[in-house]
Amino acid sequence: MPGKKVSRPCHHCKSKSASAPTDTSKIHYEKSWLYRHCSSVQQRDRQAQKAGQLFSGLLAMNVVFLGSAFISSMIFNSVYITLGDVWVLMAILKVLCLFWIIYYLLGTSQQPHAVLYRDSHAGAIWIRGSVLLFGSCSILLNVFEIGYTTILIHCKSKVEIVFPSIEIVFICTQAYFLWHHSKDCIQVQHNFTRCGLMLTIATNLLLWLLAVTNDNLHVEIESQLREVEQRFEGNETASCTCSNTTICKVFQKGYILLYPFNTEYCLVCCSVLYVMWKNVGRRISHHHVPHTKPKFKLQGVVFGPLLGATAVITGICVFMMYQIQATSLVPSHQIFVIYYSYYVVLLPLMSVGAVIGTVIHALEKKELDTLKNPTRSLDVILLMGAALGQIGMCYFSIVALVASHPRELLDSLILSYSVLLIFQNITQNVFIIDGLHRQRFVATAEAKHTGPTGQYVVAVEPPGEEETTTSSEEEHTQTLPGKEEDVKEEQNREDQRRMSVLELGQELRKASLSYIHSYSHLSWKRRALREISFFLVLCNIILWVMPTFGAHPVFENGLERSFYGYSTWFVIVNFGLPLGVFYRMHSVGGLLEVYVTA
């Protein structure tokens, strides 16, 4: 009819739609009022997915801005906005997240066809292990805070006990949720799930920001108390201080020691939740699913573990020496020289290894993996973003040292440390990112040298002359009629001992021959990549341990602090240092992935 309008598809629908899946009854396509006039079901689903991501992202942005405004007001104007007000806001957000997580566990994930696909790349075991480790430390941190507040209840509010209790429930529930559902590609209630995930991400980001701020205040208070004690010899007293009881000191020291783990827990949870948010409504085809999942095997590496173990042992010794000296009122000038000298020696070795590994990647004929992988994309973003923390701190140190004309040995070491750390972060990022984008190695050459069961064939030697002599003596002993029974029992025990020794020797021979066989049949490129990756893994572990457990020479040397001022330098360091710690931990996961896929 001429008066009837013909509906036309929108310009988004003009492109060719994706092929429809075989079982459409199990797929819940997304719908949005913005794109209901699209003619193609797949195109309407795609546009609705983008709209859901947009609205959930806007929700998270507003929550983060609101929380940041509260925290900033607490820092700059603590009269009107106190720490208690910030705790109330965070408690409300955590309760909302708890309600959504419980609803997801009991409602959304239990619906028919809710989880048709699972992302094999998401929720790696080291990521989920980090969530459990840092979550356990954060729970212990809140337990110490509750105990410390209970002891000082005469000068603290009883409400301060409630907030750590809510934090413990939130951490336990979130850790359980991430451990069991980090691989989910949810296919129902898309928009509600996205909003819940983004709300949880925003809450963790605000908890991280609050933790960094409180850690900043703790370090500043410790440094100021050290200066006050040095000048006034402890004449000033506080109205609410910890008594000299042992349990009070344990709570206080444990709280300070475990505080960095809380920041790491929030950052790791944000990364896992972001991958889940990207996987909402995602349908994975069969060619995205790997047929064989590579496993971590300590075969084919010799020099990497040896060099890495040497670096770890040396780093532990330097760290212990620094901690002993740092607890005194006036840290020794020599301990700073030893600390920075360790870094100046280790960082060039790591840089050289990363450069060699990048060159080997260029020489390899393995093709790049171009399949869509949200986990790998997030890993690249986190590596580049977290490295900016250390790189930014290093550039501030370089400007301060060059402008002040360094003349002493310590100044030269700090300057060299800053330059080498920038170069090491860049080269390691290039090596890891290049390795993550390479396709997995498929063992073809090694399969020819294996037996039918997949194990290397090792020849077993026949019994020697000693066994033959033993058996002949046993027969002769049995033929003699006048022997005692205890002699027979002793002879049997001796035979069993000899047989157990022979079996143990054969097992050791099999294991050693299998290890040598696998090491010799690895190509020199794969062998070098594994050696370099394992060496860098151990180095990044020790470089993560040292600042995490309290080795912060940038707070104690006083060079940059005197140049930029006390408050400015603490703002720079306490935003860069947690990112640097997170970078080392995330680099370990990326390097393990490169090692496994080499």
Foldseek 3Di string as FASTA:
>chain_A
DVVDDDQDADPLQPDDADDDDDDPVLFDADADPVRPSHPDSRSRSVVNLVVLLVVLLVLLVVLLVVLVVLVVCCVPPVPVRNPVNSLVSLLVLLVVLVVLLVCCVPPQVPDGSFFPDFQPVADDVLLLVLLVVLLVLLLVLLVLVLVLCVVLVVPDPPCVNVSSVSVNVSSVSLSVSCNPPLGGLTRPPQSSLLNSLSSLLSSLVSQLVVLLVVLLVVLVVVLVVLVCCVVVVPPDDDPGDFDPDPSNVCSVVSNNQSSLSSNLSSVSSNLSSVQNSVSHNDDDDPVSDDPDDFDDDPFQADQLVVLLVVLLVVLVVLLVVQVVQVVDSARDPVSLVVVLVSLLVPLVVLLVLLVVLLVLLVVDPFDFAPDDDVSLVSLLVLLVVLLCLLLVLLVLLLVLLVVVPDDDPSSVSSNSSSVSSNSSSVSLSSSLNSLVGTFFDDDDQVQVQPDPVRAHDDDDDDDDPVVVVLVVVLVVVVPDPPDDPVVVVVSVVVVVVVVVVSVVVVVVVRVVVRSVVVNVPDDPSLSSLLSSLSNLLSNLVSVLVSVSRPNDCVSPPCSSCVRPHPVVSSVSNSVSVSSNSSSSSSSNVSSSSSNRRD
